[in-house]
Amino acid sequence: MLIVIFVNQLKERAEKLESWRMQAKKHEEKKAEKKDLLHKRSSLWVDEAELEKEITNVVIATTYL
């Protein structure tokens, strides 16, 4: 009888540990996805015509103190 209880407790512990590992793995995957997305967004190229327009706007809109 005690052996059966002990075996059941070991099974429950193993299941909890596996559940915890899966949650930690999912958390790490989400973290990696966010990092990858941020990396992709930050490496987008700006259209040259758009860049020239923005530079012109900044130069024109400069205010002197």
C-alpha atoms as a PDB file:
ATOM      1  CA  MET A   1       0.000   0.000   0.000  1.00  0.00           C
ATOM      2  CA  LEU A   2       2.757   2.467   0.908  1.00  0.00           C
ATOM      3  CA  ILE A   3       4.646   1.603  -2.246  1.00  0.00           C
ATOM      4  CA  VAL A   4       1.605   2.470  -4.377  1.00  0.00           C
ATOM      5  CA  ILE A   5       1.233   5.839  -2.635  1.00  0.00           C
ATOM      6  CA  PHE A   6       4.938   6.527  -3.015  1.00  0.00           C
ATOM      7  CA  VAL A   7       4.843   5.638  -6.726  1.00  0.00           C
ATOM      8  CA  ASN A   8       1.828   7.905  -7.243  1.00  0.00           C
ATOM      9  CA  GLN A   9       3.624  10.764  -5.502  1.00  0.00           C
ATOM     10  CA  LEU A  10       6.652  10.258  -7.728  1.00  0.00           C
ATOM     11  CA  LYS A  11       4.429  10.304 -10.816  1.00  0.00           C
ATOM     12  CA  GLU A  12       2.769  13.543  -9.672  1.00  0.00           C
ATOM     13  CA  ARG A  13       6.140  15.146  -9.026  1.00  0.00           C
ATOM     14  CA  ALA A  14       7.366  14.078 -12.457  1.00  0.00           C
ATOM     15  CA  GLU A  15       4.237  15.519 -14.094  1.00  0.00           C
ATOM     16  CA  LYS A  16       4.619  18.813 -12.211  1.00  0.00           C
ATOM     17  CA  LEU A  17       8.267  19.026 -13.177  1.00  0.00           C
ATOM     18  CA  GLU A  18       7.444  18.355 -16.827  1.00  0.00           C
ATOM     19  CA  SER A  19       4.697  20.988 -16.706  1.00  0.00           C
ATOM     20  CA  TRP A  20       7.098  23.507 -15.196  1.00  0.00           C
ATOM     21  CA  ARG A  21       9.720  22.732 -17.857  1.00  0.00           C
ATOM     22  CA  MET A  22       7.168  23.200 -20.648  1.00  0.00           C
ATOM     23  CA  GLN A  23       6.072  26.549 -19.216  1.00  0.00           C
ATOM     24  CA  ALA A  24       9.678  27.687 -18.935  1.00  0.00           C
ATOM     25  CA  LYS A  25      10.342  26.555 -22.510  1.00  0.00           C
ATOM     26  CA  LYS A  26       7.282  28.440 -23.805  1.00  0.00           C
ATOM     27  CA  HIS A  27       8.408  31.536 -21.911  1.00  0.00           C
ATOM     28  CA  GLU A  28      11.879  31.354 -23.462  1.00  0.00           C
ATOM     29  CA  GLU A  29      10.390  30.825 -26.946  1.00  0.00           C
ATOM     30  CA  LYS A  30       8.156  33.881 -26.571  1.00  0.00           C
ATOM     31  CA  LYS A  31      11.116  35.896 -25.355  1.00  0.00           C
ATOM     32  CA  ALA A  32      13.169  34.787 -28.366  1.00  0.00           C
ATOM     33  CA  GLU A  33      10.296  35.608 -30.748  1.00  0.00           C
ATOM     34  CA  LYS A  34       9.988  39.115 -29.312  1.00  0.00           C
ATOM     35  CA  LYS A  35      13.727  39.636 -29.586  1.00  0.00           C
ATOM     36  CA  ASP A  36      13.731  38.394 -33.186  1.00  0.00           C
ATOM     37  CA  LEU A  37      10.772  40.611 -34.094  1.00  0.00           C
ATOM     38  CA  LEU A  38      12.466  43.639 -32.564  1.00  0.00           C
ATOM     39  CA  HIS A  39      15.633  42.811 -34.482  1.00  0.00           C
ATOM     40  CA  LYS A  40      13.693  42.533 -37.747  1.00  0.00           C
ATOM     41  CA  ARG A  41      11.853  45.812 -37.152  1.00  0.00           C
ATOM     42  CA  SER A  42      15.013  47.704 -36.312  1.00  0.00           C
ATOM     43  CA  SER A  43      16.739  46.532 -39.462  1.00  0.00           C
ATOM     44  CA  LEU A  44      14.103  47.753 -41.914  1.00  0.00           C
ATOM     45  CA  TRP A  45      15.495  49.913 -44.685  1.00  0.00           C
ATOM     46  CA  VAL A  46      14.194  53.444 -45.151  1.00  0.00           C
ATOM     47  CA  ASP A  47      13.280  54.459 -48.680  1.00  0.00           C
ATOM     48  CA  GLU A  48      15.891  56.924 -49.981  1.00  0.00           C
ATOM     49  CA  ALA A  49      13.300  59.429 -51.221  1.00  0.00           C
ATOM     50  CA  GLU A  50      11.540  59.298 -47.851  1.00  0.00           C
ATOM     51  CA  LEU A  51      14.850  59.828 -46.078  1.00  0.00           C
ATOM     52  CA  GLU A  52      15.680  62.870 -48.197  1.00  0.00           C
ATOM     53  CA  LYS A  53      12.227  64.316 -47.497  1.00  0.00           C
ATOM     54  CA  GLU A  54      12.664  63.834 -43.748  1.00  0.00           C
ATOM     55  CA  ILE A  55      16.128  65.433 -43.799  1.00  0.00           C
ATOM     56  CA  THR A  56      14.759  68.384 -45.746  1.00  0.00           C
ATOM     57  CA  ASN A  57      11.898  68.802 -43.277  1.00  0.00           C
ATOM     58  CA  VAL A  58      14.297  68.745 -40.337  1.00  0.00           C
ATOM     59  CA  VAL A  59      16.606  71.298 -41.941  1.00  0.00           C
ATOM     60  CA  ILE A  60      13.694  73.603 -42.813  1.00  0.00           C
ATOM     61  CA  ALA A  61      11.977  73.211 -39.449  1.00  0.00           C
ATOM     62  CA  THR A  62      15.129  74.020 -37.446  1.00  0.00           C
ATOM     63  CA  THR A  63      14.471  76.720 -34.884  1.00  0.00           C
ATOM     64  CA  TYR A  64      17.205  78.856 -33.415  1.00  0.00           C
ATOM     65  CA  LEU A  65      17.251  79.684 -29.757  1.00  0.00           C
END
